[in-house]
């Protein structure tokens, strides 16, 4: 675990050459892992360990989540930017990569992290070589559904007494929700910790900023403009981001018009593909990144 400052806010990250292997290979693409809402960087560790030493990986905690929850600031480098919006988080990511002198990266984002990855590829095309969205899609705004989701999310964030961590059965609850394959007790415990630890303002505002009608409708437009490769992983049993919404967003990318397979569906998989289907995800990442890195 390493800490660096991004726009005055401490950001915690892990880099696999330091975690699992002794050396770093210069001039090689790095896979940057972006977690989802109310989560943290640690959900990427199983995938990162599988990819070592062939692919260098960076995972970090978004501002206000995981271990990046201290000394938060609303500052963004554009006045018209929502402090916890997708564009603001994309600027955070770019600043982090700039500080680490990483110029040639692939992004892999889970759920909310997938949307941030797409925005980063749009805003910083010279730095981002390609994007992999995991359990991330959208582009269709259904007013009643979104209003219900936003209201439920706000209530959930607003009621998080710390004593919940003392209930031994709660990790089992977290190990079973949003997944097709039950996670281990330890992962359920981690989800509970991240749920309780997330900064209330960051958790609430990131939810609200990313689910406005304007933001939802803008995402397909961004995907349509991307010149980089973009791939999508969906879980056939994902009830949070159903496959049809993943396929809808993917249909705006140039791959769709070129007849390329941009969407891969995992069987027996819910909303946490990186934990439920780690080996399948590893195989896909290897296929896409190692093919991309082959000399012309």
Protein backbone atom coordinates (compact mmCIF):
# COMPACT_ATOMS: atom_id res chain seq x y z
CA UNK A 1 0.00 0.00 0.00
CA UNK A 2 1.37 3.39 -1.06
CA UNK A 3 -0.10 6.85 -0.49
CA UNK A 4 0.24 9.80 -2.86
CA UNK A 5 -1.47 13.19 -3.04
CA UNK A 6 -3.92 13.95 -5.87
CA UNK A 7 -5.18 17.56 -5.86
CA UNK A 8 -4.33 17.69 -2.15
CA UNK A 9 -6.23 14.51 -1.27
CA UNK A 10 -4.31 11.39 -0.11
CA UNK A 11 -4.90 8.49 -2.52
CA UNK A 12 -3.92 4.93 -1.63
CA UNK A 13 -2.79 2.53 -4.35
CA UNK A 14 -1.15 -0.85 -4.92
CA UNK A 15 1.19 -1.61 -7.82
CA UNK A 16 1.87 -5.26 -8.59
CA UNK A 17 5.61 -4.98 -9.19
CA UNK A 18 5.77 -4.09 -5.50
CA UNK A 19 3.02 -6.46 -4.33
CA UNK A 20 3.68 -9.76 -6.06
CA UNK A 21 6.84 -9.52 -8.19
CA UNK A 22 10.28 -7.99 -7.57
CA UNK A 23 10.84 -6.03 -10.79
CA UNK A 24 9.04 -3.68 -13.13
CA UNK A 25 9.28 -4.03 -16.89
CA UNK A 26 9.84 -0.65 -18.57
CA UNK A 27 7.78 0.47 -21.58
CA UNK A 28 5.02 -2.05 -20.96
CA UNK A 29 1.31 -1.27 -20.77
CA UNK A 30 -0.06 -1.08 -17.24
CA UNK A 31 -3.58 -2.23 -16.38
CA UNK A 32 -5.22 0.31 -14.06
CA UNK A 33 -8.06 -1.10 -11.95
CA UNK A 34 -10.96 1.15 -10.88
CA UNK A 35 -13.40 -0.11 -8.27
CA UNK A 36 -17.14 0.45 -8.03
CA UNK A 37 -19.42 2.32 -5.67
CA UNK A 38 -18.97 1.65 -1.92
CA UNK A 39 -16.06 -0.68 -2.69
CA UNK A 40 -12.25 -0.38 -2.73
CA UNK A 41 -9.12 -1.43 -4.59
CA UNK A 42 -8.76 -4.80 -2.81
CA UNK A 43 -11.42 -6.50 -4.97
CA UNK A 44 -8.90 -6.39 -7.81
CA UNK A 45 -6.14 -8.17 -5.89
CA UNK A 46 -7.09 -11.73 -6.97
CA UNK A 47 -7.02 -10.71 -10.64
CA UNK A 48 -3.81 -8.72 -10.19
CA UNK A 49 -2.09 -11.67 -8.58
CA UNK A 50 -3.18 -13.96 -11.43
CA UNK A 51 -1.84 -11.55 -14.06
CA UNK A 52 1.56 -11.16 -12.39
CA UNK A 53 4.26 -11.14 -13.69
CA UNK A 54 3.05 -10.85 -17.30
CA UNK A 55 0.92 -7.73 -16.85
CA UNK A 56 1.69 -4.91 -14.43
CA UNK A 57 -1.39 -3.71 -12.55
CA UNK A 58 -2.26 -0.63 -10.53
CA UNK A 59 -5.31 -0.51 -8.24
CA UNK A 60 -6.26 2.57 -6.24
CA UNK A 61 -9.01 3.77 -3.94
CA UNK A 62 -11.25 6.44 -5.40
CA UNK A 63 -11.48 9.72 -3.50
CA UNK A 64 -13.80 9.13 -0.54
CA UNK A 65 -13.67 5.32 -0.64
CA UNK A 66 -11.52 2.58 0.83
CA UNK A 67 -8.42 4.07 2.41
CA UNK A 68 -8.65 7.34 0.40
CA UNK A 69 -11.13 8.84 2.85
CA UNK A 70 -9.04 11.31 4.84
CA UNK A 71 -8.76 15.06 4.29
CA UNK A 72 -11.27 15.10 1.45
CA UNK A 73 -11.58 18.18 -0.69
CA UNK A 74 -14.26 19.25 -3.13
CA UNK A 75 -11.59 20.79 -5.32
CA UNK A 76 -11.59 19.92 -9.01
CA UNK A 77 -9.51 21.49 -11.73
CA UNK A 78 -12.58 22.77 -13.58
CA UNK A 79 -15.21 24.97 -11.99
CA UNK A 80 -18.07 23.42 -13.96
CA UNK A 81 -17.27 19.94 -12.72
CA UNK A 82 -19.36 18.14 -10.09
CA UNK A 83 -16.88 17.40 -7.27
CA UNK A 84 -17.80 13.72 -7.22
CA UNK A 85 -18.93 13.34 -10.84
CA UNK A 86 -17.50 10.96 -13.41
CA UNK A 87 -15.40 13.66 -15.08
CA UNK A 88 -13.92 14.78 -11.76
CA UNK A 89 -12.91 11.21 -10.91
CA UNK A 90 -11.42 10.86 -14.39
CA UNK A 91 -9.31 13.96 -13.72
CA UNK A 92 -8.23 12.46 -10.38
CA UNK A 93 -7.12 9.34 -12.24
CA UNK A 94 -5.17 11.29 -14.83
CA UNK A 95 -3.38 13.26 -12.12
CA UNK A 96 -2.50 10.02 -10.33
CA UNK A 97 -1.09 8.48 -13.51
CA UNK A 98 0.79 11.67 -14.28
CA UNK A 99 2.41 11.63 -10.84
CA UNK A 100 3.46 8.01 -11.38
CA UNK A 101 4.72 8.80 -14.91
CA UNK A 102 2.45 6.19 -16.50
CA UNK A 103 1.77 7.18 -20.09
CA UNK A 104 0.55 3.97 -21.71
CA UNK A 105 -2.29 2.37 -19.76
CA UNK A 106 -5.30 0.16 -20.14
CA UNK A 107 -8.19 0.81 -17.78
CA UNK A 108 -10.44 -1.84 -16.27
CA UNK A 109 -13.40 -0.55 -14.30
CA UNK A 110 -16.09 -2.30 -12.31
CA UNK A 111 -19.63 -0.87 -12.32
CA UNK A 112 -19.23 2.85 -11.49
CA UNK A 113 -15.52 2.39 -12.16
CA UNK A 114 -16.33 1.36 -15.73
CA UNK A 115 -18.07 4.68 -16.35
CA UNK A 116 -15.08 6.54 -14.88
CA UNK A 117 -12.78 4.55 -17.18
CA UNK A 118 -14.81 5.54 -20.24
CA UNK A 119 -14.70 9.20 -19.24
CA UNK A 120 -10.93 9.00 -18.68
CA UNK A 121 -10.43 7.45 -22.12
CA UNK A 122 -12.52 10.25 -23.60
CA UNK A 123 -10.74 13.08 -21.79
CA UNK A 124 -7.19 11.69 -21.98
CA UNK A 125 -6.91 9.62 -25.19
CA UNK A 126 -3.13 10.04 -25.39
CA UNK A 127 -2.68 8.32 -22.04
CA UNK A 128 -5.40 5.64 -22.22
CA UNK A 129 -4.77 2.85 -24.71
CA UNK A 130 -7.97 0.87 -24.14
CA UNK A 131 -10.82 0.16 -21.71
CA UNK A 132 -12.38 -2.97 -20.22
CA UNK A 133 -15.75 -2.44 -18.51
CA UNK A 134 -16.73 -5.10 -15.97
CA UNK A 135 -20.42 -5.26 -15.00
CA UNK A 136 -20.74 -1.74 -16.40
CA UNK A 137 -23.16 -0.47 -19.01
CA UNK A 138 -26.15 1.79 -19.27
CA UNK A 139 -27.20 4.68 -21.44
CA UNK A 140 -30.94 4.16 -20.96
CA UNK A 141 -32.68 6.47 -18.49
CA UNK A 142 -35.83 5.02 -16.92
CA UNK A 143 -37.07 7.78 -14.65
CA UNK A 144 -39.00 5.76 -12.04
CA UNK A 145 -36.29 3.12 -11.75
CA UNK A 146 -33.54 5.69 -11.35
CA UNK A 147 -35.47 7.74 -8.81
CA UNK A 148 -36.10 4.61 -6.75
CA UNK A 149 -32.43 3.60 -7.02
CA UNK A 150 -31.20 7.05 -6.02
CA UNK A 151 -33.58 7.24 -3.07
CA UNK A 152 -32.66 3.76 -1.83
CA UNK A 153 -28.96 4.53 -2.20
CA UNK A 154 -29.25 7.75 -0.23
CA UNK A 155 -31.12 6.00 2.57
CA UNK A 156 -28.57 3.21 2.67
CA UNK A 157 -25.65 5.64 2.90
CA UNK A 158 -27.48 7.77 5.47
CA UNK A 159 -27.99 4.89 7.91
CA UNK A 160 -24.67 3.18 8.59
CA UNK A 161 -24.12 2.94 12.35
CA UNK A 162 -20.61 1.67 13.12
CA UNK A 163 -21.96 -1.01 15.43
CA UNK A 164 -23.14 -2.93 12.37
CA UNK A 165 -19.58 -4.26 12.03
CA UNK A 166 -20.10 -6.23 15.26
CA UNK A 167 -22.90 -8.40 13.85
CA UNK A 168 -21.28 -11.73 12.83
CA UNK A 169 -24.05 -12.62 10.37
CA UNK A 170 -23.83 -9.40 8.34
CA UNK A 171 -20.74 -10.48 6.37
CA UNK A 172 -22.72 -13.49 5.16
CA UNK A 173 -25.43 -11.10 3.97
CA UNK A 174 -22.89 -9.03 2.04
CA UNK A 175 -21.35 -12.23 0.67
CA UNK A 176 -24.69 -13.13 -0.94
CA UNK A 177 -26.10 -9.89 -2.33
CA UNK A 178 -25.58 -8.88 -5.98
CA UNK A 179 -23.82 -12.16 -6.78
CA UNK A 180 -24.76 -15.47 -8.37
CA UNK A 181 -21.95 -17.37 -6.66
CA UNK A 182 -21.74 -16.77 -2.91
CA UNK A 183 -18.52 -15.04 -1.91
CA UNK A 184 -16.40 -16.14 1.03
CA UNK A 185 -17.07 -14.83 4.53
CA UNK A 186 -13.87 -12.76 4.24
CA UNK A 187 -15.14 -10.98 1.12
CA UNK A 188 -18.47 -10.38 2.78
CA UNK A 189 -16.60 -8.87 5.71
CA UNK A 190 -14.59 -6.67 3.33
CA UNK A 191 -17.75 -5.44 1.61
CA UNK A 192 -19.21 -4.55 5.02
CA UNK A 193 -16.04 -2.67 5.99
CA UNK A 194 -16.02 -0.69 2.73
CA UNK A 195 -19.73 0.05 3.07
CA UNK A 196 -19.24 1.48 6.56
CA UNK A 197 -15.97 3.27 5.78
CA UNK A 198 -17.02 5.24 2.67
CA UNK A 199 -17.19 8.99 3.19
CA UNK A 200 -20.90 9.96 3.36
CA UNK A 201 -20.61 12.95 1.06
CA UNK A 202 -18.51 11.11 -1.52
CA UNK A 203 -20.84 8.11 -1.42
CA UNK A 204 -24.00 10.19 -1.79
CA UNK A 205 -22.75 12.71 -4.33
CA UNK A 206 -21.02 10.16 -6.58
CA UNK A 207 -24.30 8.22 -6.71
CA UNK A 208 -26.37 11.29 -7.52
CA UNK A 209 -23.91 12.79 -10.01
CA UNK A 210 -23.54 9.58 -12.02
CA UNK A 211 -27.26 8.83 -12.31
CA UNK A 212 -28.70 12.10 -13.60
CA UNK A 213 -30.62 11.94 -16.87
CA UNK A 214 -27.97 14.09 -18.56
CA UNK A 215 -25.10 11.87 -17.35
CA UNK A 216 -26.84 8.64 -18.34
CA UNK A 217 -27.59 9.92 -21.84
CA UNK A 218 -24.09 11.33 -22.27
CA UNK A 219 -22.31 8.02 -21.70
CA UNK A 220 -23.28 6.44 -25.06
CA UNK A 221 -22.13 9.61 -26.83
CA UNK A 222 -18.73 9.27 -25.17
CA UNK A 223 -18.45 5.60 -26.13
CA UNK A 224 -19.32 6.46 -29.74
CA UNK A 225 -16.44 8.96 -29.88
CA UNK A 226 -13.74 6.66 -28.47
CA UNK A 227 -11.08 5.58 -30.94
CA UNK A 228 -9.46 3.16 -28.47
CA UNK A 229 -10.51 -0.50 -28.08
CA UNK A 230 -13.35 -0.91 -25.58
CA UNK A 231 -14.50 -4.30 -24.28
CA UNK A 232 -17.33 -5.23 -21.95
CA UNK A 233 -17.71 -8.11 -19.47
CA UNK A 234 -21.21 -8.91 -18.26
CA UNK A 235 -22.58 -11.53 -15.89
CA UNK A 236 -25.53 -13.49 -17.24
CA UNK A 237 -27.15 -13.34 -13.79
CA UNK A 238 -26.26 -9.72 -13.02
CA UNK A 239 -29.40 -8.06 -11.63
CA UNK A 240 -27.71 -4.73 -10.92
CA UNK A 241 -26.43 -4.07 -14.46
CA UNK A 242 -28.33 -6.50 -16.64
CA UNK A 243 -26.64 -7.81 -19.80
CA UNK A 244 -29.08 -5.97 -22.07
CA UNK A 245 -27.88 -2.63 -20.70
CA UNK A 246 -24.22 -3.63 -21.15
CA UNK A 247 -24.92 -4.66 -24.74
CA UNK A 248 -26.79 -1.42 -25.34
CA UNK A 249 -23.83 0.73 -24.30
CA UNK A 250 -21.39 -1.46 -26.22
CA UNK A 251 -23.44 -1.02 -29.40
CA UNK A 252 -22.33 2.62 -29.64
CA UNK A 253 -18.65 1.75 -30.02
CA UNK A 254 -16.95 1.31 -33.39
CA UNK A 255 -16.37 -2.40 -32.66
CA UNK A 256 -20.11 -2.99 -33.02
CA UNK A 257 -20.15 -1.55 -36.53
CA UNK A 258 -17.01 -3.50 -37.43
CA UNK A 259 -18.63 -6.77 -36.38
CA UNK A 260 -16.14 -7.43 -33.58
CA UNK A 261 -17.14 -9.20 -30.39
CA UNK A 262 -16.98 -6.43 -27.81
CA UNK A 263 -19.19 -8.06 -25.15
CA UNK A 264 -18.34 -11.30 -23.34
CA UNK A 265 -20.96 -12.81 -21.03
CA UNK A 266 -19.88 -14.98 -18.10
CA UNK A 267 -22.19 -17.81 -17.07
CA UNK A 268 -23.14 -18.27 -13.41
CA UNK A 269 -22.00 -14.73 -12.70
CA UNK A 270 -23.66 -11.80 -10.95
CA UNK A 271 -22.36 -8.28 -10.39
CA UNK A 272 -18.85 -9.17 -9.14
CA UNK A 273 -17.14 -10.84 -12.09
CA UNK A 274 -13.64 -10.16 -10.73
CA UNK A 275 -14.44 -12.31 -7.68
CA UNK A 276 -17.03 -14.75 -9.05
CA UNK A 277 -15.17 -15.54 -12.27
CA UNK A 278 -11.57 -14.48 -11.64
CA UNK A 279 -9.99 -17.03 -13.96
CA UNK A 280 -12.39 -16.30 -16.82
CA UNK A 281 -11.71 -12.58 -16.43
CA UNK A 282 -7.98 -13.22 -16.32
CA UNK A 283 -8.17 -15.14 -19.60
CA UNK A 284 -10.06 -12.34 -21.31
CA UNK A 285 -7.71 -9.65 -20.02
CA UNK A 286 -4.70 -11.63 -21.19
CA UNK A 287 -6.24 -12.14 -24.60
CA UNK A 288 -7.02 -8.47 -25.08
CA UNK A 289 -3.91 -6.89 -23.57
CA UNK A 290 -1.26 -9.33 -24.77
CA UNK A 291 -2.70 -9.21 -28.29
CA UNK A 292 -2.65 -5.44 -28.11
CA UNK A 293 0.99 -5.47 -26.99
CA UNK A 294 2.23 -7.68 -29.83
CA UNK A 295 4.60 -5.87 -32.20
CA UNK A 296 2.98 -4.76 -35.48
